[in-house]
Amino acid sequence: MTTILLLTISNLFMTVAWYGHLKYRDRPLFVVIMASWLIAFFEYCFQVPANRIGYGEFTAFQLKIIQEVITLVIFTGFAFVYLGERVKWNHAAAFTCLVGAVGFAFWGKL
């Protein structure tokens, strides 16, 4: 559970670093790059320990798939709340496929 929590916190930071600047398109690119790098530093402070702790309990493939699903969940909320975007049917279908990928990745652990 520690790995999942750390990956979630990590992805919160990374989503803000990668997409938070989209509401500030009037800011110079250099400024948003520097701000994103600063935010991404904190993402790494959670991501690296998450993978270190989780590796062994999970395979590297499983860690990556877990991370991607967490990323999609967080991004969906971020895009809806912060950017004001709506989830369409094809986005939901893609999410369903990723959840299926998690099932396949953990098939041997069931």
C-alpha atoms as a PDB file:
ATOM      1  CA  MET A   1       0.000   0.000   0.000  1.00  0.00           C
ATOM      2  CA  THR A   2       2.945   2.335   0.605  1.00  0.00           C
ATOM      3  CA  THR A   3       3.948   2.008  -3.033  1.00  0.00           C
ATOM      4  CA  ILE A   4       0.457   2.931  -4.245  1.00  0.00           C
ATOM      5  CA  LEU A   5       0.306   5.948  -1.913  1.00  0.00           C
ATOM      6  CA  LEU A   6       3.737   7.204  -3.006  1.00  0.00           C
ATOM      7  CA  LEU A   7       2.871   6.707  -6.676  1.00  0.00           C
ATOM      8  CA  THR A   8      -0.355   8.644  -6.173  1.00  0.00           C
ATOM      9  CA  ILE A   9       1.419  11.576  -4.527  1.00  0.00           C
ATOM     10  CA  SER A  10       4.092  11.446  -7.209  1.00  0.00           C
ATOM     11  CA  ASN A  11       1.489  11.601  -9.952  1.00  0.00           C
ATOM     12  CA  LEU A  12      -0.279  14.546  -8.348  1.00  0.00           C
ATOM     13  CA  PHE A  13       2.956  16.526  -8.606  1.00  0.00           C
ATOM     14  CA  MET A  14       3.705  15.333 -12.127  1.00  0.00           C
ATOM     15  CA  THR A  15       0.255  16.153 -13.455  1.00  0.00           C
ATOM     16  CA  VAL A  16       0.587  19.699 -12.141  1.00  0.00           C
ATOM     17  CA  ALA A  17       4.124  19.952 -13.558  1.00  0.00           C
ATOM     18  CA  TRP A  18       3.104  18.730 -17.011  1.00  0.00           C
ATOM     19  CA  TYR A  19      -0.334  20.276 -17.407  1.00  0.00           C
ATOM     20  CA  GLY A  20      -0.786  23.010 -14.782  1.00  0.00           C
ATOM     21  CA  HIS A  21       0.765  25.659 -17.003  1.00  0.00           C
ATOM     22  CA  LEU A  22      -1.871  25.206 -19.712  1.00  0.00           C
ATOM     23  CA  LYS A  23      -4.032  27.839 -18.016  1.00  0.00           C
ATOM     24  CA  TYR A  24      -1.114  30.274 -18.185  1.00  0.00           C
ATOM     25  CA  ARG A  25      -0.360  30.336 -21.910  1.00  0.00           C
ATOM     26  CA  ASP A  26       0.546  34.011 -21.659  1.00  0.00           C
ATOM     27  CA  ARG A  27       3.616  33.215 -19.522  1.00  0.00           C
ATOM     28  CA  PRO A  28       6.994  32.830 -21.239  1.00  0.00           C
ATOM     29  CA  LEU A  29       7.854  29.243 -22.122  1.00  0.00           C
ATOM     30  CA  PHE A  30      11.146  29.414 -20.217  1.00  0.00           C
ATOM     31  CA  VAL A  31       9.305  30.401 -17.019  1.00  0.00           C
ATOM     32  CA  VAL A  32       6.819  27.516 -17.234  1.00  0.00           C
ATOM     33  CA  ILE A  33       9.623  25.058 -18.026  1.00  0.00           C
ATOM     34  CA  MET A  34      11.538  26.159 -14.924  1.00  0.00           C
ATOM     35  CA  ALA A  35       8.389  26.022 -12.783  1.00  0.00           C
ATOM     36  CA  SER A  36       7.586  22.559 -14.141  1.00  0.00           C
ATOM     37  CA  TRP A  37      11.083  21.313 -13.366  1.00  0.00           C
ATOM     38  CA  LEU A  38      10.812  22.601  -9.812  1.00  0.00           C
ATOM     39  CA  ILE A  39       7.477  20.821  -9.325  1.00  0.00           C
ATOM     40  CA  ALA A  40       8.837  17.666 -11.002  1.00  0.00           C
ATOM     41  CA  PHE A  41      11.655  17.527  -8.448  1.00  0.00           C
ATOM     42  CA  PHE A  42       9.056  16.770  -5.786  1.00  0.00           C
ATOM     43  CA  GLU A  43       7.490  14.172  -8.075  1.00  0.00           C
ATOM     44  CA  TYR A  44      10.819  12.341  -8.161  1.00  0.00           C
ATOM     45  CA  CYS A  45      11.078  12.521  -4.363  1.00  0.00           C
ATOM     46  CA  PHE A  46       8.021  10.243  -4.247  1.00  0.00           C
ATOM     47  CA  GLN A  47       8.422   8.277  -7.491  1.00  0.00           C
ATOM     48  CA  VAL A  48      11.890   6.901  -6.810  1.00  0.00           C
ATOM     49  CA  PRO A  49      11.079   5.596  -3.300  1.00  0.00           C
ATOM     50  CA  ALA A  50       7.773   4.161  -4.581  1.00  0.00           C
ATOM     51  CA  ASN A  51       9.581   2.096  -7.188  1.00  0.00           C
ATOM     52  CA  ARG A  52      12.361   1.106  -4.775  1.00  0.00           C
ATOM     53  CA  ILE A  53       9.887  -0.048  -2.128  1.00  0.00           C
ATOM     54  CA  GLY A  54       7.526  -1.677  -4.603  1.00  0.00           C
ATOM     55  CA  TYR A  55      10.098  -3.564  -6.668  1.00  0.00           C
ATOM     56  CA  GLY A  56      10.184  -7.115  -5.409  1.00  0.00           C
ATOM     57  CA  GLU A  57       6.585  -7.057  -4.253  1.00  0.00           C
ATOM     58  CA  PHE A  58       5.699  -6.071  -7.824  1.00  0.00           C
ATOM     59  CA  THR A  59       7.588  -6.631 -11.056  1.00  0.00           C
ATOM     60  CA  ALA A  60       8.835  -3.612 -12.999  1.00  0.00           C
ATOM     61  CA  PHE A  61       6.065  -4.222 -15.541  1.00  0.00           C
ATOM     62  CA  GLN A  62       3.443  -4.231 -12.798  1.00  0.00           C
ATOM     63  CA  LEU A  63       4.846  -1.049 -11.253  1.00  0.00           C
ATOM     64  CA  LYS A  64       4.652   0.714 -14.604  1.00  0.00           C
ATOM     65  CA  ILE A  65       1.088  -0.416 -15.263  1.00  0.00           C
ATOM     66  CA  ILE A  66       0.012   0.639 -11.763  1.00  0.00           C
ATOM     67  CA  GLN A  67       1.631   4.026 -12.343  1.00  0.00           C
ATOM     68  CA  GLU A  68      -0.149   4.511 -15.663  1.00  0.00           C
ATOM     69  CA  VAL A  69      -3.570   3.751 -14.211  1.00  0.00           C
ATOM     70  CA  ILE A  70      -2.938   6.099 -11.281  1.00  0.00           C
ATOM     71  CA  THR A  71      -1.778   8.744 -13.759  1.00  0.00           C
ATOM     72  CA  LEU A  72      -4.940   8.382 -15.818  1.00  0.00           C
ATOM     73  CA  VAL A  73      -7.215   8.601 -12.784  1.00  0.00           C
ATOM     74  CA  ILE A  74      -5.452  11.695 -11.470  1.00  0.00           C
ATOM     75  CA  PHE A  75      -5.275  13.319 -14.888  1.00  0.00           C
ATOM     76  CA  THR A  76      -8.982  12.715 -15.495  1.00  0.00           C
ATOM     77  CA  GLY A  77      -9.857  14.510 -12.256  1.00  0.00           C
ATOM     78  CA  PHE A  78      -7.357  17.287 -13.004  1.00  0.00           C
ATOM     79  CA  ALA A  79      -8.640  17.831 -16.554  1.00  0.00           C
ATOM     80  CA  PHE A  80     -12.232  17.920 -15.318  1.00  0.00           C
ATOM     81  CA  VAL A  81     -11.728  20.136 -12.243  1.00  0.00           C
ATOM     82  CA  TYR A  82      -8.795  22.365 -13.203  1.00  0.00           C
ATOM     83  CA  LEU A  83      -9.003  22.565 -16.997  1.00  0.00           C
ATOM     84  CA  GLY A  84     -12.792  22.268 -17.271  1.00  0.00           C
ATOM     85  CA  GLU A  85     -12.694  19.444 -19.807  1.00  0.00           C
ATOM     86  CA  ARG A  86     -15.310  16.718 -20.048  1.00  0.00           C
ATOM     87  CA  VAL A  87     -14.729  12.976 -20.269  1.00  0.00           C
ATOM     88  CA  LYS A  88     -16.086  11.539 -23.523  1.00  0.00           C
ATOM     89  CA  TRP A  89     -17.160   7.973 -24.248  1.00  0.00           C
ATOM     90  CA  ASN A  90     -13.890   7.104 -26.007  1.00  0.00           C
ATOM     91  CA  HIS A  91     -11.899   8.340 -23.003  1.00  0.00           C
ATOM     92  CA  ALA A  92     -13.943   6.060 -20.760  1.00  0.00           C
ATOM     93  CA  ALA A  93     -13.403   3.162 -23.179  1.00  0.00           C
ATOM     94  CA  ALA A  94      -9.636   3.754 -23.154  1.00  0.00           C
ATOM     95  CA  PHE A  95      -9.664   3.830 -19.349  1.00  0.00           C
ATOM     96  CA  THR A  96     -11.547   0.533 -19.303  1.00  0.00           C
ATOM     97  CA  CYS A  97      -8.869  -1.002 -21.536  1.00  0.00           C
ATOM     98  CA  LEU A  98      -6.143   0.172 -19.143  1.00  0.00           C
ATOM     99  CA  VAL A  99      -7.973  -1.351 -16.194  1.00  0.00           C
ATOM    100  CA  GLY A 100      -8.086  -4.563 -18.238  1.00  0.00           C
ATOM    101  CA  ALA A 101      -4.315  -4.265 -18.712  1.00  0.00           C
ATOM    102  CA  VAL A 102      -3.909  -4.152 -14.941  1.00  0.00           C
ATOM    103  CA  GLY A 103      -5.943  -7.329 -14.677  1.00  0.00           C
ATOM    104  CA  PHE A 104      -3.707  -9.066 -17.206  1.00  0.00           C
ATOM    105  CA  ALA A 105      -0.546  -7.793 -15.506  1.00  0.00           C
ATOM    106  CA  PHE A 106      -1.645  -9.260 -12.178  1.00  0.00           C
ATOM    107  CA  TRP A 107      -3.173 -12.441 -13.599  1.00  0.00           C
ATOM    108  CA  GLY A 108      -0.477 -14.659 -12.088  1.00  0.00           C
ATOM    109  CA  LYS A 109      -0.899 -13.104  -8.627  1.00  0.00           C
ATOM    110  CA  LEU A 110      -4.617 -13.851  -8.364  1.00  0.00           C
END
